[in-house]
Amino acid sequence: MRDQREGLAPPPRGLMAATVSIFLLLVLGGIGGFLFLQSRPPLSSLLQAGIILAVGLTVFGLLGGVVFRKRLPRLFLPGLMIALAALWIIGSIVFVLVYRGALQPGQRETAKYYLPFLEVFDPALPSPENLLPTVAPDLNGGISPEDLLSRPFGMPTTAPEMTEAPPAAIQVEPSPTATPTLEPSATPTPEAVSETTPEPPQTVESQALNTLQAAALVRPSAHQLYGFTYVKQTWNNCGPANITMALSYFGWQQGQEAAAAYLKPSREDKNVSPHEMVAFVNENSGVRALTRPGGDMELIKRFIASDFPVIVESVLDAEAYDWIGHYETIAGYDDAAGVFYIYDSFVGMGDGRGNPDPYIEFDRAWQSFNRIFIVLYRQEDEARVREILGERADPLRAAELSAEAARQEAEANPANGYAWFNLGSSLTRLGRYEEAAAAYDKARQIGMPWRITLYQFGPFEAYFERGRYDDVMALVKSNLNYGGEYVEETHYWKGKVEAAQGKTQQAVASFRQALAHNPRFTAAKEALDKLSL
């Protein structure tokens, strides 16, 4: 019987060559892809390689179809185009689903760098108008926010100590108040009374004002620090980038990756607290650092004038971004121009001196973080740092002064939510949780940005210590819904509530989740060890 295939013409040599070439390319691509993945490349490399491969195969297929169209079946080229279009549509849908559901925020940012239009597929976030969840205030303690306005917190205390510790480790008992000793004085004669006019007694505030005015007379009206190496932050990395910039002033030559490995083992961690940055400096650099709340612009100028770099926690000032916490390194100031010069790891460094930031705008943004600052110095300069700090050398005294400053701002403008929030944060540092919770209640009633509890955790502590577990969990839920799942403190306070409610297994899981994000988070480790006893 005759073979039916005898009447078939052999395939075109060009088509055979193209088929063999495509097969070899697929084999080589598979081997190359396997070796490429073995090196654990970053997402940016994978994305770039994937785009090049997809475009290359599409162009190669279309060119082959056009070149060999006369030797191919009549419907082959249209069929090829339809198949490629279908593959692109299906691949795009799958990519968007993976982009939205599987990629972490930092990976999405990398994808948007190469494909900016992907921003339209970002998971929804709260609008800038969204605020922290608000619940009914605690009325059982008998303290209202208005009661706090009549309680001065800035009374003189004992001599300052140069101790440094994260807020959770500070003893919460308020330092004792010194009782002034009155010296007997001679009774003035009528002549003396007629020749001198008695001056009104000075308040703590007026004394502080006089001190600042005197300091302004001895420091220069402008000063610039030189010797910084500017560091452009990588994704979500302003803390490590700024601590690296500040250390470069002292000759530090390592990159921000070294600080990030210590400060945020999880790339997606949205917060590095000031006390963590201080610990990194003190444990790794040979330079010293400390942090205090409740600074003021005069204090910052005195540090800069004495050649001490300062980092402040503030709010990012960039277009297209709403309220986001951000660290900045201060490199200079100029009273005549009324500006600080800022090395900003996100925005840039201006003409080399730093970006000029007007005093009023600087202080308004800095207030959002209770005017907290970090100062770096050499060990031999500790006495000078102590002199500049004055009473703030004592962490508890610094908390008292910051509480008093916040109280005065709340009294001057009761609608200033940041003043009330700062008052709560300072009172939490002092262990005055009942008053702190009342201040936080007021701030939340006024309305606070939803991101604020991604960076500041005083409300969790104050509400927890008052037994207001529903309030703690409301803030935990807010964090978990909007990026706080990468913040170890979110899981820590969730675990604290679960442990207090007898939900041991859930608490263990929460503490382990906190440690998975940051194995150096000692508070979570201690809480976990306590449950394991």
Protein backbone atom coordinates (compact mmCIF):
# COMPACT_ATOMS: atom_id res chain seq x y z
CA MET A 1 0.00 0.00 0.00
CA ARG A 2 1.30 3.40 -0.93
CA ASP A 3 2.39 5.63 1.98
CA GLN A 4 -0.04 8.53 2.28
CA ARG A 5 2.84 10.86 3.17
CA GLU A 6 4.54 10.46 -0.22
CA GLY A 7 2.33 13.20 -1.65
CA LEU A 8 3.26 15.76 1.03
CA ALA A 9 5.86 18.38 0.26
CA PRO A 10 8.68 18.72 2.77
CA PRO A 11 8.39 21.67 5.18
CA PRO A 12 10.16 24.85 4.13
CA ARG A 13 13.77 24.97 5.24
CA GLY A 14 13.25 28.42 6.74
CA LEU A 15 10.36 27.18 8.87
CA MET A 16 12.43 24.21 10.03
CA ALA A 17 15.29 26.52 10.93
CA ALA A 18 12.94 28.87 12.79
CA THR A 19 11.35 25.96 14.69
CA VAL A 20 14.73 24.55 15.69
CA SER A 21 15.96 28.02 16.68
CA ILE A 22 12.91 28.65 18.87
CA PHE A 23 13.32 25.25 20.51
CA LEU A 24 17.00 25.95 21.22
CA LEU A 25 16.15 29.40 22.55
CA LEU A 26 13.57 27.91 24.91
CA VAL A 27 16.04 25.30 26.17
CA LEU A 28 18.80 27.84 26.64
CA GLY A 29 16.35 30.28 28.21
CA GLY A 30 15.17 27.63 30.65
CA ILE A 31 18.72 26.77 31.68
CA GLY A 32 19.67 30.43 31.94
CA GLY A 33 16.53 31.21 33.92
CA PHE A 34 17.26 28.39 36.36
CA LEU A 35 20.83 29.59 36.91
CA PHE A 36 19.57 33.18 37.21
CA LEU A 37 17.06 32.24 39.90
CA GLN A 38 19.69 30.29 41.84
CA SER A 39 21.49 33.57 42.55
CA ARG A 40 18.32 34.94 44.22
CA PRO A 41 18.17 38.11 42.13
CA PRO A 42 16.16 41.11 43.30
CA LEU A 43 12.70 41.70 41.88
CA SER A 44 14.01 44.53 39.72
CA SER A 45 16.30 42.13 37.85
CA LEU A 46 13.53 39.56 37.44
CA LEU A 47 11.09 42.16 36.20
CA GLN A 48 13.57 43.63 33.76
CA ALA A 49 14.52 40.18 32.42
CA GLY A 50 10.85 39.19 32.12
CA ILE A 51 9.97 42.32 30.15
CA ILE A 52 12.93 41.84 27.79
CA LEU A 53 12.08 38.16 27.27
CA ALA A 54 8.37 38.79 26.62
CA VAL A 55 9.04 41.61 24.16
CA GLY A 56 11.87 39.69 22.50
CA LEU A 57 9.84 36.55 21.91
CA THR A 58 6.89 38.57 20.59
CA VAL A 59 9.05 40.54 18.13
CA PHE A 60 10.98 37.44 17.11
CA GLY A 61 7.75 35.50 16.45
CA LEU A 62 6.17 38.28 14.42
CA LEU A 63 9.30 38.86 12.35
CA GLY A 64 9.57 35.15 11.65
CA GLY A 65 5.96 35.02 10.56
CA VAL A 66 6.41 37.98 8.19
CA VAL A 67 9.69 36.70 6.71
CA PHE A 68 8.33 33.21 6.04
CA ARG A 69 4.74 34.19 5.28
CA LYS A 70 4.87 32.89 1.67
CA ARG A 71 5.93 29.43 2.81
CA LEU A 72 3.52 29.21 5.73
CA PRO A 73 -0.13 28.25 5.65
CA ARG A 74 -2.38 31.15 4.68
CA LEU A 75 -3.92 31.54 8.13
CA PHE A 76 -0.70 30.96 10.10
CA LEU A 77 0.30 34.62 10.48
CA PRO A 78 -3.15 35.85 11.62
CA GLY A 79 -3.36 32.88 13.96
CA LEU A 80 0.08 33.70 15.37
CA MET A 81 -0.93 37.30 16.01
CA ILE A 82 -4.15 36.24 17.71
CA ALA A 83 -2.25 33.74 19.88
CA LEU A 84 0.36 36.33 20.90
CA ALA A 85 -2.36 38.87 21.69
CA ALA A 86 -4.19 36.31 23.83
CA LEU A 87 -0.99 35.44 25.66
CA TRP A 88 -0.31 39.12 26.36
CA ILE A 89 -3.86 39.69 27.64
CA ILE A 90 -3.81 36.59 29.84
CA GLY A 91 -0.28 37.38 31.06
CA SER A 92 -1.25 40.97 31.86
CA ILE A 93 -4.28 39.87 33.88
CA VAL A 94 -2.20 37.35 35.83
CA PHE A 95 0.52 39.95 36.41
CA VAL A 96 -1.98 42.49 37.78
CA LEU A 97 -3.46 39.88 40.12
CA VAL A 98 0.00 38.94 41.36
CA TYR A 99 0.93 42.62 41.63
CA ARG A 100 -2.07 43.41 43.81
CA GLY A 101 -2.23 40.26 45.89
CA ALA A 102 1.22 38.72 46.17
CA LEU A 103 3.82 41.48 45.90
CA GLN A 104 4.92 43.35 48.98
CA PRO A 105 4.77 47.18 48.93
CA GLY A 106 8.48 47.54 48.19
CA GLN A 107 8.22 45.11 45.29
CA ARG A 108 5.27 47.05 43.91
CA GLU A 109 7.35 50.22 44.04
CA THR A 110 10.08 48.47 42.03
CA ALA A 111 7.53 47.32 39.46
CA LYS A 112 6.16 50.88 39.17
CA TYR A 113 9.68 52.19 38.54
CA TYR A 114 9.75 50.21 35.29
CA LEU A 115 6.00 50.35 34.55
CA PRO A 116 4.62 53.57 36.08
CA PHE A 117 1.07 52.90 34.84
CA LEU A 118 0.82 50.06 37.39
CA GLU A 119 0.03 52.68 40.02
CA VAL A 120 -3.61 52.48 38.97
CA PHE A 121 -3.68 48.87 40.21
CA ASP A 122 -2.33 49.65 43.68
CA PRO A 123 -4.45 48.32 46.58
CA ALA A 124 -6.66 51.04 47.98
CA LEU A 125 -5.34 53.07 50.90
CA PRO A 126 -7.25 55.50 53.07
CA SER A 127 -7.56 58.98 51.66
CA PRO A 128 -5.65 61.79 53.39
CA GLU A 129 -8.91 62.72 55.09
CA ASN A 130 -9.11 59.34 56.85
CA LEU A 131 -8.31 59.54 60.54
CA LEU A 132 -7.60 57.24 63.43
CA PRO A 133 -10.65 55.36 64.67
CA THR A 134 -12.47 57.31 67.35
CA VAL A 135 -14.28 55.74 70.27
CA ALA A 136 -16.03 57.10 73.33
CA PRO A 137 -13.57 58.66 75.79
CA ASP A 138 -12.80 57.04 79.14
CA LEU A 139 -14.94 58.80 81.72
CA ASN A 140 -14.44 56.36 84.58
CA GLY A 141 -11.21 57.89 85.81
CA GLY A 142 -12.72 61.25 86.51
CA ILE A 143 -10.13 63.08 84.37
CA SER A 144 -11.25 65.06 81.38
CA PRO A 145 -8.86 66.51 78.80
CA GLU A 146 -9.73 69.98 80.04
CA ASP A 147 -8.54 68.99 83.53
CA LEU A 148 -5.06 68.50 82.09
CA LEU A 149 -4.78 72.14 81.09
CA SER A 150 -4.69 73.22 84.73
CA ARG A 151 -1.90 70.78 85.68
CA PRO A 152 1.59 72.18 85.03
CA PHE A 153 4.09 69.40 84.33
CA GLY A 154 7.32 71.34 84.10
CA MET A 155 8.32 71.88 87.73
CA PRO A 156 12.07 71.92 88.55
CA THR A 157 13.55 68.56 89.51
CA THR A 158 16.80 67.07 90.73
CA ALA A 159 20.12 67.41 88.94
CA PRO A 160 20.14 65.78 85.49
CA GLU A 161 21.81 62.49 84.74
CA MET A 162 23.27 61.56 81.34
CA THR A 163 21.49 58.24 81.20
CA GLU A 164 20.09 56.95 77.93
CA ALA A 165 17.51 54.23 77.44
CA PRO A 166 14.56 53.50 75.15
CA PRO A 167 11.21 54.71 76.48
CA ALA A 168 10.08 51.23 77.51
CA ALA A 169 13.13 50.85 79.77
CA ILE A 170 12.86 54.17 81.58
CA GLN A 171 11.61 53.98 85.13
CA VAL A 172 8.14 55.43 85.03
CA GLU A 173 8.08 56.90 88.51
CA PRO A 174 8.28 60.67 88.16
CA SER A 175 11.47 62.13 89.51
CA PRO A 176 11.05 63.89 92.85
CA THR A 177 10.41 67.59 92.82
CA ALA A 178 12.99 69.66 94.54
CA THR A 179 11.66 71.86 97.33
CA PRO A 180 13.18 75.31 97.12
CA THR A 181 14.96 76.54 100.25
CA LEU A 182 14.23 80.15 101.15
CA GLU A 183 17.14 82.18 102.49
CA PRO A 184 16.33 84.87 105.09
CA SER A 185 16.85 88.38 103.82
CA ALA A 186 17.09 91.74 105.50
CA THR A 187 14.00 93.89 105.66
CA PRO A 188 14.37 96.64 103.08
CA THR A 189 14.57 100.19 104.31
CA PRO A 190 12.06 102.78 103.13
CA GLU A 191 14.80 104.40 101.09
CA ALA A 192 15.52 101.11 99.36
CA VAL A 193 11.87 100.56 98.66
CA SER A 194 11.50 103.98 97.12
CA GLU A 195 14.63 103.61 94.98
CA THR A 196 13.92 100.16 93.57
CA THR A 197 10.86 98.73 91.93
CA PRO A 198 10.25 95.11 92.85
CA GLU A 199 10.29 92.73 89.86
CA PRO A 200 7.56 90.13 89.50
CA PRO A 201 8.68 86.58 90.26
CA GLN A 202 9.88 84.66 87.24
CA THR A 203 7.94 81.61 86.13
CA VAL A 204 9.56 78.48 84.75
CA GLU A 205 8.50 79.59 81.28
CA SER A 206 10.01 83.06 81.60
CA GLN A 207 13.25 81.61 82.98
CA ALA A 208 13.43 79.23 80.01
CA LEU A 209 12.78 82.14 77.64
CA ASN A 210 15.56 84.17 79.22
CA THR A 211 17.91 81.21 78.94
CA LEU A 212 17.14 80.82 75.24
CA GLN A 213 17.56 84.54 74.63
CA ALA A 214 20.92 84.47 76.38
CA ALA A 215 21.97 81.46 74.33
CA ALA A 216 21.00 83.23 71.12
CA LEU A 217 23.42 86.02 72.03
CA VAL A 218 26.43 83.70 72.33
CA ARG A 219 25.87 81.41 69.35
CA PRO A 220 26.47 82.61 65.76
CA SER A 221 23.48 83.76 63.74
CA ALA A 222 24.31 81.18 61.09
CA HIS A 223 26.35 77.99 60.99
CA GLN A 224 26.92 75.22 58.46
CA LEU A 225 28.26 71.71 58.96
CA TYR A 226 30.39 70.29 56.16
CA GLY A 227 31.61 66.75 55.60
CA PHE A 228 28.36 64.81 55.16
CA THR A 229 28.08 62.15 52.49
CA TYR A 230 24.62 62.42 51.01
CA VAL A 231 22.65 59.14 51.00
CA LYS A 232 19.63 58.61 48.77
CA GLN A 233 17.35 56.28 50.64
CA THR A 234 16.16 53.01 49.20
CA TRP A 235 12.57 51.82 49.69
CA ASN A 236 11.16 52.77 53.08
CA ASN A 237 14.65 53.39 54.44
CA CYS A 238 14.82 56.99 55.69
CA GLY A 239 15.92 55.91 59.20
CA PRO A 240 19.00 53.91 58.12
CA ALA A 241 19.79 56.46 55.39
CA ASN A 242 19.78 59.42 57.79
CA ILE A 243 21.74 57.68 60.52
CA THR A 244 24.30 56.80 57.83
CA MET A 245 24.47 60.43 56.68
CA ALA A 246 24.90 61.72 60.21
CA LEU A 247 27.62 59.15 60.94
CA SER A 248 29.45 60.08 57.73
CA TYR A 249 30.18 63.43 59.37
CA PHE A 250 32.43 61.49 61.77
CA GLY A 251 34.10 59.47 59.00
CA TRP A 252 31.69 56.51 58.87
CA GLN A 253 32.10 54.87 55.46
CA GLN A 254 29.55 52.06 55.45
CA GLY A 255 26.38 52.32 53.41
CA GLN A 256 22.78 52.46 54.54
CA GLU A 257 22.54 48.68 54.08
CA ALA A 258 24.64 48.15 57.22
CA ALA A 259 22.27 50.25 59.30
CA ALA A 260 19.20 48.69 57.68
CA ALA A 261 20.39 45.16 58.49
CA TYR A 262 20.43 46.12 62.17
CA LEU A 263 17.46 48.48 62.32
CA LYS A 264 14.92 46.78 60.08
CA PRO A 265 15.64 43.16 59.16
CA SER A 266 12.25 43.21 57.40
CA ARG A 267 12.52 45.41 54.31
CA GLU A 268 8.86 46.32 54.61
CA ASP A 269 9.10 47.59 58.20
CA LYS A 270 7.60 51.07 58.02
CA ASN A 271 9.07 52.37 61.25
CA VAL A 272 12.44 52.65 62.92
CA SER A 273 12.09 54.28 66.32
CA PRO A 274 14.59 56.90 67.54
CA HIS A 275 15.81 54.72 70.41
CA GLU A 276 16.63 51.96 67.90
CA MET A 277 18.76 54.38 65.88
CA VAL A 278 20.52 55.49 69.06
CA ALA A 279 21.23 51.86 69.96
CA PHE A 280 22.73 51.23 66.51
CA VAL A 281 25.09 54.19 66.84
CA ASN A 282 26.16 53.36 70.39
CA GLU A 283 26.72 49.67 69.69
CA ASN A 284 28.32 49.76 66.26
CA SER A 285 30.01 53.02 65.35
CA GLY A 286 32.34 54.28 68.10
CA VAL A 287 30.27 57.48 68.08
CA ARG A 288 27.72 58.32 70.77
CA ALA A 289 24.07 59.29 70.32
CA LEU A 290 21.06 60.11 72.45
CA THR A 291 17.45 61.05 71.83
CA ARG A 292 15.01 63.25 73.70
CA PRO A 293 11.46 64.49 73.13
CA GLY A 294 10.32 68.09 73.39
CA GLY A 295 13.19 69.89 71.72
CA ASP A 296 13.00 73.41 70.37
CA MET A 297 14.63 75.23 67.48
CA GLU A 298 17.03 77.15 69.70
CA LEU A 299 18.34 73.89 71.12
CA ILE A 300 18.88 72.51 67.61
CA LYS A 301 20.78 75.65 66.60
CA ARG A 302 23.05 75.37 69.62
CA PHE A 303 23.90 71.78 68.73
CA ILE A 304 24.64 72.71 65.12
CA ALA A 305 26.70 75.72 66.21
CA SER A 306 28.76 73.34 68.36
CA ASP A 307 29.27 70.99 65.37
CA PHE A 308 26.97 68.21 66.53
CA PRO A 309 24.78 66.70 63.76
CA VAL A 310 21.09 66.41 64.63
CA ILE A 311 18.40 64.14 63.18
CA VAL A 312 14.75 64.99 63.71
CA GLU A 313 11.65 62.91 63.12
CA SER A 314 9.20 64.94 61.09
CA VAL A 315 6.77 64.71 58.16
CA LEU A 316 7.79 64.17 54.55
CA ASP A 317 7.51 67.36 52.53
CA ALA A 318 7.08 66.11 48.96
CA GLU A 319 4.44 66.53 46.31
CA ALA A 320 1.98 63.69 45.69
CA TYR A 321 2.46 62.35 49.23
CA ASP A 322 0.10 62.83 52.11
CA TRP A 323 1.05 62.66 55.80
CA ILE A 324 4.06 60.30 56.11
CA GLY A 325 6.62 60.16 58.91
CA HIS A 326 10.16 60.98 57.82
CA TYR A 327 13.63 61.51 59.29
CA GLU A 328 15.78 64.49 58.30
CA THR A 329 19.39 65.40 59.01
CA ILE A 330 20.04 69.05 59.88
CA ALA A 331 23.24 70.41 58.38
CA GLY A 332 22.96 74.11 59.17
CA TYR A 333 20.82 77.15 59.94
CA ASP A 334 20.65 80.82 59.03
CA ASP A 335 18.71 83.25 61.22
CA ALA A 336 18.83 86.03 58.61
CA ALA A 337 17.16 83.77 56.04
CA GLY A 338 15.03 82.10 58.73
CA VAL A 339 15.82 78.57 57.55
CA PHE A 340 17.36 75.28 58.54
CA TYR A 341 19.37 73.44 55.89
CA ILE A 342 18.18 69.86 55.60
CA TYR A 343 19.82 66.81 54.10
CA ASP A 344 16.70 64.93 53.03
CA SER A 345 17.25 61.30 52.02
CA PHE A 346 14.15 61.39 49.82
CA VAL A 347 14.05 64.92 48.40
CA GLY A 348 17.79 65.67 48.08
CA MET A 349 20.42 68.04 49.44
CA GLY A 350 19.78 71.21 47.44
CA ASP A 351 22.93 73.05 46.42
CA GLY A 352 25.10 70.93 48.75
CA ARG A 353 24.35 72.81 51.94
CA GLY A 354 20.94 71.17 52.23
CA ASN A 355 17.37 72.07 51.32
CA PRO A 356 16.28 75.32 53.00
CA ASP A 357 13.32 74.74 55.32
CA PRO A 358 11.72 77.87 56.84
CA TYR A 359 11.62 77.83 60.64
CA ILE A 360 7.83 78.05 60.85
CA GLU A 361 7.25 75.16 58.44
CA PHE A 362 10.02 73.11 60.04
CA ASP A 363 8.54 73.46 63.51
CA ARG A 364 4.99 72.78 62.31
CA ALA A 365 6.05 69.44 60.80
CA TRP A 366 8.37 68.59 63.71
CA GLN A 367 5.53 69.09 66.20
CA SER A 368 3.82 66.01 64.71
CA PHE A 369 6.46 63.86 66.43
CA ASN A 370 6.62 65.64 69.78
CA ARG A 371 9.74 67.50 68.54
CA ILE A 372 11.91 64.46 69.15
CA PHE A 373 15.56 64.70 68.13
CA ILE A 374 18.71 62.60 67.97
CA VAL A 375 22.11 64.19 68.50
CA LEU A 376 25.41 62.49 67.63
CA TYR A 377 28.72 63.32 69.31
CA ARG A 378 32.10 61.92 70.24
CA GLN A 379 32.58 60.48 73.71
CA GLU A 380 34.97 63.25 74.70
CA ASP A 381 32.29 65.85 73.91
CA GLU A 382 29.74 64.51 76.36
CA ALA A 383 30.24 67.39 78.82
CA ARG A 384 29.45 69.92 76.10
CA VAL A 385 26.36 67.95 75.07
CA ARG A 386 25.23 67.87 78.70
CA GLU A 387 25.70 71.64 78.91
CA ILE A 388 23.58 72.26 75.83
CA LEU A 389 20.87 69.84 76.95
CA GLY A 390 20.62 71.41 80.38
CA GLU A 391 17.69 69.89 82.23
CA ARG A 392 16.91 67.67 79.25
CA ALA A 393 19.97 65.57 80.04
CA ASP A 394 17.65 63.70 82.40
CA PRO A 395 15.19 61.71 80.22
CA LEU A 396 12.37 62.07 82.76
CA ARG A 397 12.93 65.77 83.06
CA ALA A 398 12.88 66.02 79.28
CA ALA A 399 9.52 64.24 79.30
CA GLU A 400 8.21 66.68 81.92
CA LEU A 401 9.32 69.67 79.87
CA SER A 402 7.81 68.25 76.68
CA ALA A 403 4.55 67.58 78.53
CA GLU A 404 4.46 71.15 79.76
CA ALA A 405 5.18 72.53 76.28
CA ALA A 406 2.38 70.40 74.82
CA ARG A 407 -0.01 71.48 77.60
CA GLN A 408 0.66 75.13 76.84
CA GLU A 409 0.10 74.57 73.11
CA ALA A 410 -3.16 72.73 73.80
CA GLU A 411 -4.25 75.55 76.09
CA ALA A 412 -3.43 78.15 73.43
CA ASN A 413 -5.25 76.17 70.73
CA PRO A 414 -7.55 73.42 72.04
CA ALA A 415 -8.20 72.29 68.44
CA ASN A 416 -4.52 71.40 67.92
CA GLY A 417 -4.67 67.60 67.85
CA TYR A 418 -0.88 67.22 67.77
CA ALA A 419 -0.55 69.18 71.01
CA TRP A 420 -2.92 66.77 72.76
CA PHE A 421 -1.25 63.74 71.18
CA ASN A 422 2.19 64.99 72.29
CA LEU A 423 0.86 65.58 75.78
CA GLY A 424 -0.31 61.97 75.85
CA SER A 425 3.06 60.72 74.59
CA SER A 426 5.03 62.68 77.18
CA LEU A 427 2.74 61.59 80.01
CA THR A 428 3.10 57.99 78.86
CA ARG A 429 6.88 58.33 79.18
CA LEU A 430 6.25 59.46 82.75
CA GLY A 431 3.96 56.52 83.49
CA ARG A 432 0.94 58.81 84.02
CA TYR A 433 -1.34 56.61 81.96
CA GLU A 434 -4.70 57.91 83.16
CA GLU A 435 -3.85 61.45 82.13
CA ALA A 436 -2.14 60.22 78.95
CA ALA A 437 -5.25 58.29 77.87
CA ALA A 438 -7.40 61.38 78.41
CA ALA A 439 -5.04 63.41 76.20
CA TYR A 440 -5.07 60.75 73.49
CA ASP A 441 -8.86 60.66 73.64
CA LYS A 442 -8.97 64.37 72.93
CA ALA A 443 -6.50 64.08 70.06
CA ARG A 444 -8.57 61.32 68.47
CA GLN A 445 -11.77 63.30 68.87
CA ILE A 446 -10.15 66.19 67.02
CA GLY A 447 -8.80 63.79 64.37
CA MET A 448 -5.31 62.43 63.78
CA PRO A 449 -3.70 61.04 60.57
CA TRP A 450 -4.22 57.30 60.28
CA ARG A 451 -0.48 56.68 59.78
CA ILE A 452 0.54 58.21 63.10
CA THR A 453 0.24 54.90 64.98
CA LEU A 454 2.60 53.27 62.49
CA TYR A 455 5.35 55.37 64.09
CA GLN A 456 4.24 56.34 67.60
CA PHE A 457 3.04 53.71 70.06
CA GLY A 458 2.24 55.70 73.17
CA PRO A 459 -1.54 55.27 72.70
CA PHE A 460 -1.16 51.47 72.71
CA GLU A 461 0.74 51.59 76.00
CA ALA A 462 -1.50 54.14 77.72
CA TYR A 463 -4.74 52.40 76.79
CA PHE A 464 -3.33 48.99 77.66
CA GLU A 465 -2.19 50.10 81.10
CA ARG A 466 -5.67 51.54 81.69
CA GLY A 467 -7.24 48.21 80.72
CA ARG A 468 -8.88 49.73 77.64
CA TYR A 469 -8.24 46.70 75.45
CA ASP A 470 -10.89 47.58 72.89
CA ASP A 471 -9.09 50.84 72.18
CA VAL A 472 -5.78 49.02 71.77
CA MET A 473 -7.31 46.51 69.37
CA ALA A 474 -9.02 49.29 67.39
CA LEU A 475 -5.61 50.84 66.76
CA VAL A 476 -4.12 47.41 66.01
CA LYS A 477 -6.86 46.78 63.44
CA SER A 478 -6.26 50.17 61.84
CA ASN A 479 -2.54 49.38 61.53
CA LEU A 480 -3.10 45.90 60.13
CA ASN A 481 -5.48 47.22 57.50
CA TYR A 482 -3.07 49.83 56.19
CA GLY A 483 0.52 48.60 56.24
CA GLY A 484 1.10 48.03 59.94
CA GLU A 485 1.33 44.27 59.43
CA TYR A 486 5.02 44.92 58.75
CA VAL A 487 5.49 46.93 61.97
CA GLU A 488 6.56 44.67 64.84
CA GLU A 489 4.97 46.88 67.51
CA THR A 490 1.55 46.26 66.00
CA HIS A 491 1.83 42.52 66.67
CA TYR A 492 3.42 43.13 70.06
CA TRP A 493 0.50 45.16 71.41
CA LYS A 494 -1.96 42.72 69.86
CA GLY A 495 -0.17 39.96 71.78
CA LYS A 496 -0.20 41.97 74.99
CA VAL A 497 -3.99 42.29 74.85
CA GLU A 498 -4.41 38.61 73.95
CA ALA A 499 -2.19 37.57 76.85
CA ALA A 500 -4.12 39.81 79.26
CA GLN A 501 -7.36 38.22 78.06
CA GLY A 502 -6.05 34.70 78.58
CA LYS A 503 -5.71 33.93 74.86
CA THR A 504 -2.29 32.37 75.29
CA GLN A 505 -1.93 30.64 71.92
CA GLN A 506 -2.98 33.74 70.01
CA ALA A 507 -0.58 35.85 72.09
CA VAL A 508 2.30 33.46 71.39
CA ALA A 509 1.57 33.70 67.66
CA SER A 510 1.47 37.50 67.82
CA PHE A 511 4.76 37.78 69.71
CA ARG A 512 6.39 35.38 67.26
CA GLN A 513 5.10 37.47 64.39
CA ALA A 514 6.66 40.57 65.96
CA LEU A 515 9.99 38.76 66.31
CA ALA A 516 9.77 37.49 62.73
CA HIS A 517 9.79 41.12 61.60
CA ASN A 518 12.51 42.16 64.06
CA PRO A 519 14.41 39.52 66.05
CA ARG A 520 16.01 42.31 68.13
CA PHE A 521 12.67 43.42 69.55
CA THR A 522 13.48 42.49 73.14
CA ALA A 523 10.08 43.45 74.56
CA ALA A 524 8.37 40.82 72.38
CA LYS A 525 10.99 38.22 73.28
CA GLU A 526 10.54 38.87 76.99
CA ALA A 527 6.76 38.67 76.65
CA LEU A 528 7.06 35.40 74.74
CA ASP A 529 9.46 33.94 77.30
CA LYS A 530 7.05 34.88 80.07
CA LEU A 531 4.25 32.94 78.38
CA SER A 532 6.53 29.95 77.86
CA LEU A 533 7.30 29.54 81.58
